[in-house]
Amino acid sequence: MIKILLVDDHPVVRSGLKLLLNSRANMTVVGEACEGDEAISIALNVNPHLVIMDVSMPLGKDGLTATLELKKVLPKTHILILTMHDDDEYLFRAIQFGASGCILKSALHEELITAIETVAQGETYLYPSATQRLMDQVMENDRQLQTNTLKKLTERELEVLTFIVKGFSNKEIAETKLFY
């Protein structure tokens, strides 16, 4: 049984999620909170397997800050961010702050169930367009790292690298006029 804490500032969202999740044989909602501090307090009492956390909660501590603090006091609790923000800033910060997954509020309920089950098993879940953007960012960071690394090479090191890329053996490189 997956014990779930719901954190969202909109009561109707929490009620709808509670109805949906409690109808599942493998899930039960063990608590609800409308802001981050309340979520942490309740989580310490009910020790949920998973917290479904909204990001924007204007009446108290926001979901990202609550995620960071919750992971410090309950590191084994998984956090799934449920947000309306399809935005890289929220996505990357959620991951950095310890969230195990992120799903949009516009998702179908089947996708939400999949996300919950995935995160509850200790795996990561990101909605499809977020996965693509995250991969694009990783690739861009890798390209920048490679470019920065190449800029640090001396002229001689670049010449040797050119021979390596062209398939020359160490012996062939050593026999070139580079080392005379």
Protein backbone atom coordinates (compact mmCIF):
# COMPACT_ATOMS: atom_id res chain seq x y z
CA MET A 1 0.00 0.00 0.00
CA ILE A 2 1.42 3.37 -1.04
CA LYS A 3 0.78 5.93 1.71
CA ILE A 4 0.36 9.37 0.11
CA LEU A 5 0.38 12.91 1.50
CA LEU A 6 -1.34 15.49 -0.73
CA VAL A 7 -0.03 19.07 -0.68
CA ASP A 8 -1.90 21.71 -2.69
CA ASP A 9 -3.39 25.07 -1.76
CA HIS A 10 -6.64 24.30 -3.62
CA PRO A 11 -9.08 22.16 -1.58
CA VAL A 12 -10.92 20.99 -4.70
CA VAL A 13 -7.66 19.64 -6.17
CA ARG A 14 -6.87 17.76 -2.96
CA SER A 15 -10.43 16.37 -2.80
CA GLY A 16 -10.35 15.17 -6.39
CA LEU A 17 -6.94 13.57 -5.98
CA LYS A 18 -8.04 11.91 -2.74
CA LEU A 19 -11.11 10.39 -4.43
CA LEU A 20 -9.04 9.14 -7.34
CA LEU A 21 -6.19 7.72 -5.27
CA ASN A 22 -8.31 6.12 -2.53
CA SER A 23 -10.23 4.26 -5.26
CA ARG A 24 -7.02 2.41 -6.12
CA ALA A 25 -6.36 -0.86 -4.27
CA ASN A 26 -2.66 -0.08 -3.78
CA MET A 27 -2.93 3.58 -2.65
CA THR A 28 -4.25 5.47 0.34
CA VAL A 29 -4.18 9.16 1.18
CA VAL A 30 -2.89 9.51 4.76
CA GLY A 31 -2.92 13.31 4.98
CA GLU A 32 -3.53 16.63 3.30
CA ALA A 33 -1.82 20.01 3.59
CA CYS A 34 -2.37 23.40 1.97
CA GLU A 35 1.22 24.72 2.27
CA GLY A 36 4.79 23.60 2.89
CA ASP A 37 5.19 23.98 6.66
CA GLU A 38 1.94 22.12 7.27
CA ALA A 39 3.11 19.40 4.86
CA ILE A 40 6.36 18.89 6.77
CA SER A 41 4.53 18.73 10.10
CA ILE A 42 2.00 16.19 8.83
CA ALA A 43 4.68 14.14 7.06
CA LEU A 44 6.64 13.81 10.30
CA ASN A 45 3.49 12.39 11.94
CA VAL A 46 2.23 10.06 9.19
CA ASN A 47 5.54 9.10 7.50
CA PRO A 48 4.17 8.80 3.94
CA HIS A 49 5.88 6.77 1.23
CA LEU A 50 5.14 9.54 -1.24
CA VAL A 51 4.23 13.22 -1.17
CA ILE A 52 2.39 14.78 -4.09
CA MET A 53 3.55 18.40 -3.88
CA ASP A 54 2.22 21.49 -5.62
CA VAL A 55 4.87 24.10 -6.45
CA SER A 56 2.97 27.38 -6.10
CA MET A 57 1.28 27.81 -2.74
CA PRO A 58 1.02 31.54 -2.02
CA LEU A 59 -0.34 31.25 1.53
CA GLY A 60 2.77 29.69 3.03
CA LYS A 61 5.97 27.89 2.20
CA ASP A 62 6.18 26.99 -1.49
CA GLY A 63 6.48 23.42 -2.70
CA LEU A 64 10.11 23.58 -3.81
CA THR A 65 11.33 24.88 -0.46
CA ALA A 66 9.14 22.34 1.33
CA THR A 67 10.62 19.58 -0.87
CA LEU A 68 14.15 20.58 0.10
CA GLU A 69 13.31 20.69 3.80
CA LEU A 70 11.24 17.51 3.73
CA LYS A 71 14.07 15.54 2.10
CA LYS A 72 16.36 16.63 4.96
CA VAL A 73 14.06 15.26 7.68
CA LEU A 74 12.54 12.31 5.78
CA PRO A 75 15.13 11.38 3.14
CA LYS A 76 13.42 8.10 2.19
CA THR A 77 10.11 9.80 1.39
CA HIS A 78 9.61 10.20 -2.35
CA ILE A 79 8.26 13.49 -3.68
CA LEU A 80 6.29 13.87 -6.89
CA ILE A 81 5.84 17.47 -7.99
CA LEU A 82 2.38 18.16 -9.43
CA THR A 83 2.43 21.52 -11.16
CA MET A 84 0.79 23.69 -13.78
CA HIS A 85 4.20 25.17 -14.67
CA ASP A 86 5.71 23.59 -17.80
CA ASP A 87 8.88 25.54 -17.16
CA ASP A 88 12.55 24.54 -17.02
CA GLU A 89 13.25 26.67 -13.95
CA TYR A 90 10.70 24.78 -11.84
CA LEU A 91 11.69 21.43 -13.30
CA PHE A 92 15.43 21.79 -12.69
CA ARG A 93 14.96 23.28 -9.22
CA ALA A 94 12.56 20.48 -8.27
CA ILE A 95 15.15 17.89 -9.24
CA GLN A 96 17.95 19.78 -7.47
CA PHE A 97 15.83 20.05 -4.32
CA GLY A 98 15.23 16.30 -4.18
CA ALA A 99 12.00 15.59 -6.04
CA SER A 100 11.81 12.12 -7.57
CA GLY A 101 9.41 13.14 -10.27
CA CYS A 102 7.40 15.88 -11.90
CA ILE A 103 4.04 15.79 -13.64
CA LEU A 104 1.78 18.50 -15.02
CA LYS A 105 -1.69 19.15 -13.62
CA SER A 106 -2.96 18.86 -17.19
CA ALA A 107 -1.96 15.17 -17.30
CA LEU A 108 -4.55 12.44 -17.65
CA HIS A 109 -5.27 10.52 -14.46
CA GLU A 110 -3.72 7.35 -15.94
CA GLU A 111 -0.43 9.22 -16.34
CA LEU A 112 -0.66 10.44 -12.74
CA ILE A 113 -1.16 6.86 -11.51
CA THR A 114 1.86 5.74 -13.55
CA ALA A 115 3.93 8.60 -12.13
CA ILE A 116 2.94 7.73 -8.55
CA GLU A 117 3.71 4.03 -8.98
CA THR A 118 7.03 4.80 -10.67
CA VAL A 119 8.18 7.27 -8.00
CA ALA A 120 6.94 5.05 -5.15
CA GLN A 121 9.22 2.28 -6.47
CA GLY A 122 12.21 4.60 -6.10
CA GLU A 123 12.46 5.47 -9.77
CA THR A 124 12.29 8.85 -11.47
CA TYR A 125 9.30 10.07 -13.46
CA LEU A 126 9.23 13.14 -15.68
CA TYR A 127 6.46 14.11 -18.06
CA PRO A 128 7.51 13.54 -21.71
CA SER A 129 8.35 17.10 -22.80
CA ALA A 130 10.34 17.59 -19.58
CA THR A 131 12.39 14.50 -20.33
CA GLN A 132 13.27 15.85 -23.78
CA ARG A 133 14.21 19.27 -22.41
CA LEU A 134 16.32 17.72 -19.67
CA MET A 135 18.15 15.59 -22.24
CA ASP A 136 18.70 18.66 -24.44
CA GLN A 137 20.16 20.52 -21.45
CA VAL A 138 22.47 17.62 -20.59
CA MET A 139 23.68 17.47 -24.20
CA GLU A 140 24.26 21.24 -24.29
CA ASN A 141 26.19 21.09 -21.02
CA ASP A 142 28.28 18.25 -22.47
CA ARG A 143 29.00 20.26 -25.64
CA GLN A 144 30.04 23.27 -23.55
CA LEU A 145 32.27 21.09 -21.38
CA GLN A 146 33.94 19.61 -24.46
CA THR A 147 34.42 23.05 -26.00
CA ASN A 148 35.89 24.42 -22.78
CA THR A 149 38.20 21.41 -22.50
CA LEU A 150 39.45 21.87 -26.07
CA LYS A 151 40.15 25.55 -25.39
CA LYS A 152 42.49 24.51 -22.56
CA LEU A 153 44.66 22.33 -24.81
CA THR A 154 47.97 23.65 -26.07
CA GLU A 155 48.70 23.87 -29.78
CA ARG A 156 50.87 20.74 -29.53
CA GLU A 157 48.13 18.80 -27.71
CA LEU A 158 45.63 19.79 -30.39
CA GLU A 159 48.00 18.53 -33.10
CA VAL A 160 48.34 15.17 -31.32
CA LEU A 161 44.56 15.00 -30.88
CA THR A 162 44.13 15.64 -34.61
CA PHE A 163 46.38 12.67 -35.41
CA ILE A 164 44.45 10.47 -32.96
CA VAL A 165 41.14 11.44 -34.58
CA LYS A 166 42.60 10.58 -38.00
CA GLY A 167 43.42 7.08 -36.72
CA PHE A 168 47.20 7.31 -36.37
CA SER A 169 48.78 4.88 -33.89
CA ASN A 170 50.95 6.10 -31.00
CA LYS A 171 54.02 4.95 -32.91
CA GLU A 172 52.97 6.81 -36.06
CA ILE A 173 52.30 9.97 -34.07
CA ALA A 174 55.68 9.66 -32.35
CA GLU A 175 57.42 9.27 -35.72
CA THR A 176 55.92 12.46 -37.14
CA LYS A 177 57.89 15.67 -37.08
CA LEU A 178 55.89 16.83 -34.06
CA PHE A 179 58.52 15.44 -31.76
CA TYR A 180 61.72 16.34 -33.60
